[in-house]
Amino acid sequence: MLEHELLSDKGVLIVRPKGPLGAQDFAALTSEADAYIEAHGALNGLMICAEHFPGWENFDGAISHFKFVRDHHAKISKIAFVSDSEVLTLLPKLADHFVGAEVKHFGSDQEAAALAWIAA
C-alpha cells in the first residue's frame, strides 16, 4: 500500500509506503503525477518517507514500480529519501546511477528540511 499526496503549490509528490506495493498503487500514483506533469512540464520533486522498504505484493507490483521510475525519473528534478532505515540510506547512491534527478537522503526527523531542499 502506498499513500501519496501532491503538494501542487510546490510541485512535490510525497509518497509513504505503508505495506507491500501493488500495481494499483502505481496506477494511482501515475495518474496524479502525469496530470501534474502535463499541466506544468515536470515535478520539482519526489519525497519518499519510509520506515523501511516494504517490498511488493507480487511481480506485477515490482514491474509497475520499475515502469513508474522509468517513465518519470527524467520529469522529476529532485528526489528526497526520508528514512532512518540502513537500507534506504543507501538508495540515493544507488538511484544516482539510474535516474536523472538529484537524489539526497534525510533522517526521518528531517521531513521539513527535505521539503525545503526540494522547493529551493
N, C-alpha and C. Protein backbone atom coordinates (compact mmCIF):
# COMPACT_ATOMS: atom_id res chain seq x y z
N MET A 1 0.84 -1.18 0.00
CA MET A 1 0.00 0.00 0.00
C MET A 1 0.89 1.24 0.00
N LEU A 2 0.50 2.20 -0.82
CA LEU A 2 1.30 3.41 -0.99
C LEU A 2 0.39 4.63 -0.86
N GLU A 3 0.57 5.38 0.22
CA GLU A 3 -0.15 6.64 0.36
C GLU A 3 0.63 7.70 -0.39
N HIS A 4 -0.09 8.60 -1.05
CA HIS A 4 0.61 9.68 -1.73
C HIS A 4 -0.19 10.97 -1.62
N GLU A 5 0.55 12.08 -1.71
CA GLU A 5 -0.04 13.41 -1.62
C GLU A 5 0.73 14.32 -2.56
N LEU A 6 0.02 15.06 -3.38
CA LEU A 6 0.64 16.01 -4.28
C LEU A 6 0.47 17.42 -3.71
N LEU A 7 1.60 18.07 -3.42
CA LEU A 7 1.57 19.46 -2.99
C LEU A 7 1.68 20.30 -4.27
N SER A 8 0.54 20.57 -4.88
CA SER A 8 0.55 21.20 -6.20
C SER A 8 1.15 22.60 -6.19
N ASP A 9 1.05 23.31 -5.07
CA ASP A 9 1.64 24.64 -4.99
C ASP A 9 3.17 24.60 -4.99
N LYS A 10 3.74 23.47 -4.60
CA LYS A 10 5.20 23.31 -4.56
C LYS A 10 5.70 22.39 -5.67
N GLY A 11 4.81 21.65 -6.31
CA GLY A 11 5.21 20.69 -7.33
C GLY A 11 5.95 19.51 -6.74
N VAL A 12 5.51 19.09 -5.55
CA VAL A 12 6.18 17.99 -4.84
C VAL A 12 5.18 16.86 -4.60
N LEU A 13 5.59 15.66 -4.96
CA LEU A 13 4.80 14.47 -4.72
C LEU A 13 5.42 13.74 -3.53
N ILE A 14 4.62 13.53 -2.49
CA ILE A 14 5.07 12.84 -1.28
C ILE A 14 4.46 11.45 -1.26
N VAL A 15 5.29 10.44 -1.10
CA VAL A 15 4.80 9.06 -1.02
C VAL A 15 5.23 8.45 0.31
N ARG A 16 4.33 7.63 0.85
CA ARG A 16 4.57 6.95 2.13
C ARG A 16 4.16 5.49 1.99
N PRO A 17 5.12 4.61 1.80
CA PRO A 17 4.77 3.18 1.74
C PRO A 17 4.28 2.71 3.11
N LYS A 18 3.14 2.03 3.12
CA LYS A 18 2.55 1.53 4.36
C LYS A 18 2.42 0.02 4.38
N GLY A 19 2.82 -0.61 3.32
CA GLY A 19 2.73 -2.06 3.19
C GLY A 19 3.24 -2.45 1.82
N PRO A 20 3.23 -3.72 1.50
CA PRO A 20 3.74 -4.16 0.19
C PRO A 20 3.09 -3.38 -0.95
N LEU A 21 3.90 -3.00 -1.91
CA LEU A 21 3.47 -2.15 -3.01
C LEU A 21 2.85 -2.98 -4.12
N GLY A 22 1.69 -2.53 -4.62
CA GLY A 22 0.99 -3.25 -5.67
C GLY A 22 0.85 -2.41 -6.93
N ALA A 23 0.48 -3.06 -8.01
CA ALA A 23 0.29 -2.39 -9.29
C ALA A 23 -0.73 -1.26 -9.18
N GLN A 24 -1.78 -1.45 -8.40
CA GLN A 24 -2.81 -0.43 -8.24
C GLN A 24 -2.25 0.83 -7.57
N ASP A 25 -1.25 0.66 -6.70
CA ASP A 25 -0.61 1.82 -6.06
C ASP A 25 0.05 2.70 -7.12
N PHE A 26 0.75 2.07 -8.05
CA PHE A 26 1.47 2.83 -9.07
C PHE A 26 0.55 3.36 -10.15
N ALA A 27 -0.60 2.71 -10.36
CA ALA A 27 -1.60 3.25 -11.29
C ALA A 27 -2.14 4.57 -10.75
N ALA A 28 -2.45 4.62 -9.45
CA ALA A 28 -2.95 5.84 -8.84
C ALA A 28 -1.88 6.92 -8.81
N LEU A 29 -0.66 6.54 -8.48
CA LEU A 29 0.46 7.48 -8.43
C LEU A 29 0.74 8.06 -9.81
N THR A 30 0.73 7.20 -10.82
CA THR A 30 0.98 7.62 -12.20
C THR A 30 -0.09 8.60 -12.66
N SER A 31 -1.33 8.32 -12.36
CA SER A 31 -2.44 9.19 -12.76
C SER A 31 -2.25 10.60 -12.21
N GLU A 32 -1.94 10.70 -10.93
CA GLU A 32 -1.78 12.01 -10.31
C GLU A 32 -0.52 12.71 -10.82
N ALA A 33 0.59 11.99 -10.90
CA ALA A 33 1.84 12.58 -11.37
C ALA A 33 1.72 13.05 -12.81
N ASP A 34 1.12 12.21 -13.67
CA ASP A 34 1.01 12.56 -15.08
C ASP A 34 0.13 13.79 -15.30
N ALA A 35 -0.94 13.92 -14.55
CA ALA A 35 -1.81 15.09 -14.68
C ALA A 35 -1.04 16.37 -14.33
N TYR A 36 -0.25 16.31 -13.25
CA TYR A 36 0.53 17.49 -12.85
C TYR A 36 1.61 17.79 -13.90
N ILE A 37 2.30 16.76 -14.35
CA ILE A 37 3.38 16.95 -15.33
C ILE A 37 2.82 17.49 -16.64
N GLU A 38 1.67 17.02 -17.06
CA GLU A 38 1.06 17.52 -18.29
C GLU A 38 0.76 19.02 -18.17
N ALA A 39 0.31 19.45 -17.00
CA ALA A 39 -0.03 20.85 -16.80
C ALA A 39 1.18 21.74 -16.57
N HIS A 40 2.25 21.20 -15.96
CA HIS A 40 3.38 22.02 -15.54
C HIS A 40 4.72 21.63 -16.17
N GLY A 41 4.77 20.54 -16.89
CA GLY A 41 6.00 20.13 -17.56
C GLY A 41 6.88 19.19 -16.76
N ALA A 42 6.85 19.28 -15.44
CA ALA A 42 7.69 18.44 -14.58
C ALA A 42 7.25 18.59 -13.13
N LEU A 43 7.76 17.70 -12.31
CA LEU A 43 7.60 17.83 -10.85
C LEU A 43 8.90 18.41 -10.30
N ASN A 44 8.79 19.28 -9.32
CA ASN A 44 10.01 19.79 -8.67
C ASN A 44 10.68 18.68 -7.88
N GLY A 45 9.87 17.80 -7.30
CA GLY A 45 10.49 16.75 -6.52
C GLY A 45 9.54 15.66 -6.08
N LEU A 46 10.17 14.58 -5.65
CA LEU A 46 9.50 13.43 -5.08
C LEU A 46 10.13 13.20 -3.71
N MET A 47 9.29 13.13 -2.69
CA MET A 47 9.77 12.88 -1.33
C MET A 47 9.22 11.53 -0.89
N ILE A 48 10.11 10.59 -0.61
CA ILE A 48 9.74 9.25 -0.20
C ILE A 48 10.01 9.13 1.29
N CYS A 49 8.95 8.99 2.07
CA CYS A 49 9.06 8.90 3.53
C CYS A 49 8.72 7.47 3.94
N ALA A 50 9.72 6.76 4.44
CA ALA A 50 9.51 5.34 4.74
C ALA A 50 10.35 4.89 5.92
N GLU A 51 9.74 4.10 6.81
CA GLU A 51 10.49 3.49 7.90
C GLU A 51 11.40 2.41 7.35
N HIS A 52 10.91 1.70 6.32
CA HIS A 52 11.67 0.64 5.67
C HIS A 52 11.05 0.39 4.30
N PHE A 53 11.72 -0.36 3.47
CA PHE A 53 11.13 -0.72 2.18
C PHE A 53 10.24 -1.94 2.41
N PRO A 54 8.93 -1.82 2.11
CA PRO A 54 8.01 -2.91 2.43
C PRO A 54 7.94 -4.03 1.39
N GLY A 55 8.66 -3.89 0.30
CA GLY A 55 8.60 -4.91 -0.74
C GLY A 55 7.37 -4.72 -1.61
N TRP A 56 7.10 -5.73 -2.44
CA TRP A 56 5.98 -5.66 -3.37
C TRP A 56 4.98 -6.77 -3.07
N GLU A 57 3.73 -6.54 -3.43
CA GLU A 57 2.68 -7.55 -3.25
C GLU A 57 2.97 -8.78 -4.11
N ASN A 58 3.46 -8.51 -5.33
CA ASN A 58 3.70 -9.58 -6.29
C ASN A 58 4.58 -9.04 -7.42
N PHE A 59 4.79 -9.86 -8.42
CA PHE A 59 5.64 -9.48 -9.55
C PHE A 59 5.07 -8.27 -10.29
N ASP A 60 3.74 -8.19 -10.43
CA ASP A 60 3.11 -7.04 -11.10
C ASP A 60 3.40 -5.74 -10.35
N GLY A 61 3.44 -5.81 -9.03
CA GLY A 61 3.77 -4.64 -8.23
C GLY A 61 5.18 -4.16 -8.51
N ALA A 62 6.13 -5.09 -8.59
CA ALA A 62 7.52 -4.74 -8.88
C ALA A 62 7.66 -4.14 -10.28
N ILE A 63 7.02 -4.77 -11.26
CA ILE A 63 7.09 -4.27 -12.63
C ILE A 63 6.48 -2.87 -12.72
N SER A 64 5.35 -2.65 -12.06
CA SER A 64 4.71 -1.33 -12.05
C SER A 64 5.62 -0.29 -11.42
N HIS A 65 6.33 -0.66 -10.38
CA HIS A 65 7.28 0.24 -9.72
C HIS A 65 8.40 0.64 -10.68
N PHE A 66 8.99 -0.36 -11.34
CA PHE A 66 10.08 -0.09 -12.27
C PHE A 66 9.62 0.76 -13.45
N LYS A 67 8.39 0.52 -13.92
CA LYS A 67 7.85 1.31 -15.03
C LYS A 67 7.63 2.76 -14.60
N PHE A 68 7.15 2.96 -13.37
CA PHE A 68 6.96 4.32 -12.87
C PHE A 68 8.30 5.05 -12.85
N VAL A 69 9.32 4.41 -12.34
CA VAL A 69 10.65 5.03 -12.30
C VAL A 69 11.13 5.34 -13.71
N ARG A 70 11.03 4.36 -14.59
CA ARG A 70 11.48 4.54 -15.98
C ARG A 70 10.77 5.70 -16.67
N ASP A 71 9.46 5.79 -16.48
CA ASP A 71 8.66 6.78 -17.19
C ASP A 71 8.69 8.17 -16.58
N HIS A 72 9.13 8.30 -15.34
CA HIS A 72 9.04 9.59 -14.66
C HIS A 72 10.36 10.18 -14.18
N HIS A 73 11.42 9.42 -14.11
CA HIS A 73 12.65 9.94 -13.49
C HIS A 73 13.19 11.17 -14.20
N ALA A 74 12.99 11.30 -15.49
CA ALA A 74 13.50 12.46 -16.22
C ALA A 74 12.60 13.69 -16.05
N LYS A 75 11.44 13.51 -15.43
CA LYS A 75 10.48 14.60 -15.26
C LYS A 75 10.39 15.05 -13.80
N ILE A 76 11.35 14.62 -13.00
CA ILE A 76 11.41 14.97 -11.58
C ILE A 76 12.80 15.53 -11.30
N SER A 77 12.88 16.74 -10.78
CA SER A 77 14.17 17.40 -10.56
C SER A 77 14.95 16.84 -9.38
N LYS A 78 14.25 16.61 -8.26
CA LYS A 78 14.92 16.17 -7.03
C LYS A 78 14.13 15.04 -6.38
N ILE A 79 14.87 14.11 -5.77
CA ILE A 79 14.26 13.03 -5.01
C ILE A 79 14.88 13.02 -3.62
N ALA A 80 14.03 13.07 -2.60
CA ALA A 80 14.48 13.02 -1.21
C ALA A 80 13.99 11.72 -0.59
N PHE A 81 14.92 10.94 -0.05
CA PHE A 81 14.58 9.76 0.73
C PHE A 81 14.61 10.17 2.20
N VAL A 82 13.49 10.05 2.89
CA VAL A 82 13.39 10.43 4.29
C VAL A 82 13.19 9.16 5.09
N SER A 83 14.28 8.71 5.75
CA SER A 83 14.22 7.44 6.46
C SER A 83 15.46 7.26 7.33
N ASP A 84 15.30 6.44 8.37
CA ASP A 84 16.44 6.03 9.17
C ASP A 84 16.86 4.60 8.87
N SER A 85 16.15 3.96 7.96
CA SER A 85 16.47 2.58 7.58
C SER A 85 17.86 2.53 6.95
N GLU A 86 18.68 1.59 7.40
CA GLU A 86 20.03 1.47 6.84
C GLU A 86 19.99 1.17 5.35
N VAL A 87 19.06 0.34 4.93
CA VAL A 87 18.95 0.01 3.51
C VAL A 87 18.55 1.25 2.72
N LEU A 88 17.57 1.99 3.20
CA LEU A 88 17.10 3.16 2.47
C LEU A 88 18.10 4.31 2.47
N THR A 89 19.00 4.35 3.44
CA THR A 89 20.03 5.39 3.41
C THR A 89 21.01 5.16 2.27
N LEU A 90 21.09 3.93 1.77
CA LEU A 90 21.98 3.63 0.64
C LEU A 90 21.33 3.93 -0.72
N LEU A 91 20.02 4.06 -0.75
CA LEU A 91 19.32 4.25 -2.02
C LEU A 91 19.76 5.47 -2.82
N PRO A 92 20.04 6.62 -2.19
CA PRO A 92 20.48 7.74 -3.02
C PRO A 92 21.72 7.42 -3.86
N LYS A 93 22.66 6.69 -3.30
CA LYS A 93 23.86 6.33 -4.05
C LYS A 93 23.52 5.38 -5.20
N LEU A 94 22.63 4.45 -4.96
CA LEU A 94 22.21 3.51 -5.99
C LEU A 94 21.35 4.21 -7.04
N ALA A 95 20.39 4.99 -6.60
CA ALA A 95 19.47 5.67 -7.52
C ALA A 95 20.21 6.63 -8.43
N ASP A 96 21.28 7.21 -7.95
CA ASP A 96 22.04 8.17 -8.73
C ASP A 96 22.52 7.58 -10.06
N HIS A 97 22.68 6.27 -10.12
CA HIS A 97 23.13 5.61 -11.34
C HIS A 97 21.99 5.38 -12.34
N PHE A 98 20.75 5.50 -11.90
CA PHE A 98 19.61 5.14 -12.73
C PHE A 98 18.65 6.29 -13.04
N VAL A 99 18.75 7.39 -12.33
CA VAL A 99 17.81 8.49 -12.54
C VAL A 99 18.55 9.78 -12.84
N GLY A 100 17.86 10.68 -13.51
CA GLY A 100 18.45 11.96 -13.85
C GLY A 100 18.29 13.00 -12.75
N ALA A 101 17.46 12.72 -11.78
CA ALA A 101 17.20 13.67 -10.70
C ALA A 101 18.36 13.72 -9.72
N GLU A 102 18.45 14.85 -9.02
CA GLU A 102 19.37 14.97 -7.89
C GLU A 102 18.74 14.22 -6.72
N VAL A 103 19.50 13.36 -6.06
CA VAL A 103 18.95 12.49 -5.01
C VAL A 103 19.70 12.74 -3.70
N LYS A 104 18.94 12.82 -2.61
CA LYS A 104 19.56 13.09 -1.31
C LYS A 104 18.80 12.35 -0.21
N HIS A 105 19.51 11.93 0.82
CA HIS A 105 18.93 11.26 1.98
C HIS A 105 18.76 12.23 3.13
N PHE A 106 17.66 12.07 3.87
CA PHE A 106 17.39 12.84 5.08
C PHE A 106 16.94 11.87 6.16
N GLY A 107 17.26 12.16 7.41
CA GLY A 107 16.78 11.35 8.53
C GLY A 107 15.28 11.49 8.68
N SER A 108 14.65 10.56 9.37
CA SER A 108 13.20 10.55 9.50
C SER A 108 12.65 11.78 10.22
N ASP A 109 13.48 12.46 10.98
CA ASP A 109 13.04 13.68 11.67
C ASP A 109 13.31 14.94 10.84
N GLN A 110 13.64 14.77 9.56
CA GLN A 110 14.01 15.91 8.73
C GLN A 110 13.08 16.11 7.52
N GLU A 111 11.81 15.78 7.69
CA GLU A 111 10.87 15.95 6.58
C GLU A 111 10.80 17.40 6.12
N ALA A 112 10.75 18.33 7.05
CA ALA A 112 10.67 19.75 6.69
C ALA A 112 11.91 20.17 5.91
N ALA A 113 13.08 19.70 6.33
CA ALA A 113 14.33 20.02 5.62
C ALA A 113 14.32 19.43 4.22
N ALA A 114 13.80 18.22 4.08
CA ALA A 114 13.73 17.58 2.77
C ALA A 114 12.81 18.37 1.84
N LEU A 115 11.68 18.78 2.35
CA LEU A 115 10.74 19.56 1.56
C LEU A 115 11.34 20.91 1.17
N ALA A 116 12.04 21.54 2.09
CA ALA A 116 12.70 22.82 1.79
C ALA A 116 13.77 22.64 0.72
N TRP A 117 14.54 21.54 0.80
CA TRP A 117 15.57 21.27 -0.19
C TRP A 117 14.97 21.08 -1.57
N ILE A 118 13.87 20.34 -1.66
CA ILE A 118 13.22 20.14 -2.94
C ILE A 118 12.70 21.47 -3.49
N ALA A 119 12.10 22.26 -2.64
CA ALA A 119 11.48 23.52 -3.08
C ALA A 119 12.49 24.62 -3.41
N ALA A 120 13.72 24.46 -2.95
CA ALA A 120 14.74 25.51 -3.17
C ALA A 120 15.15 25.59 -4.64
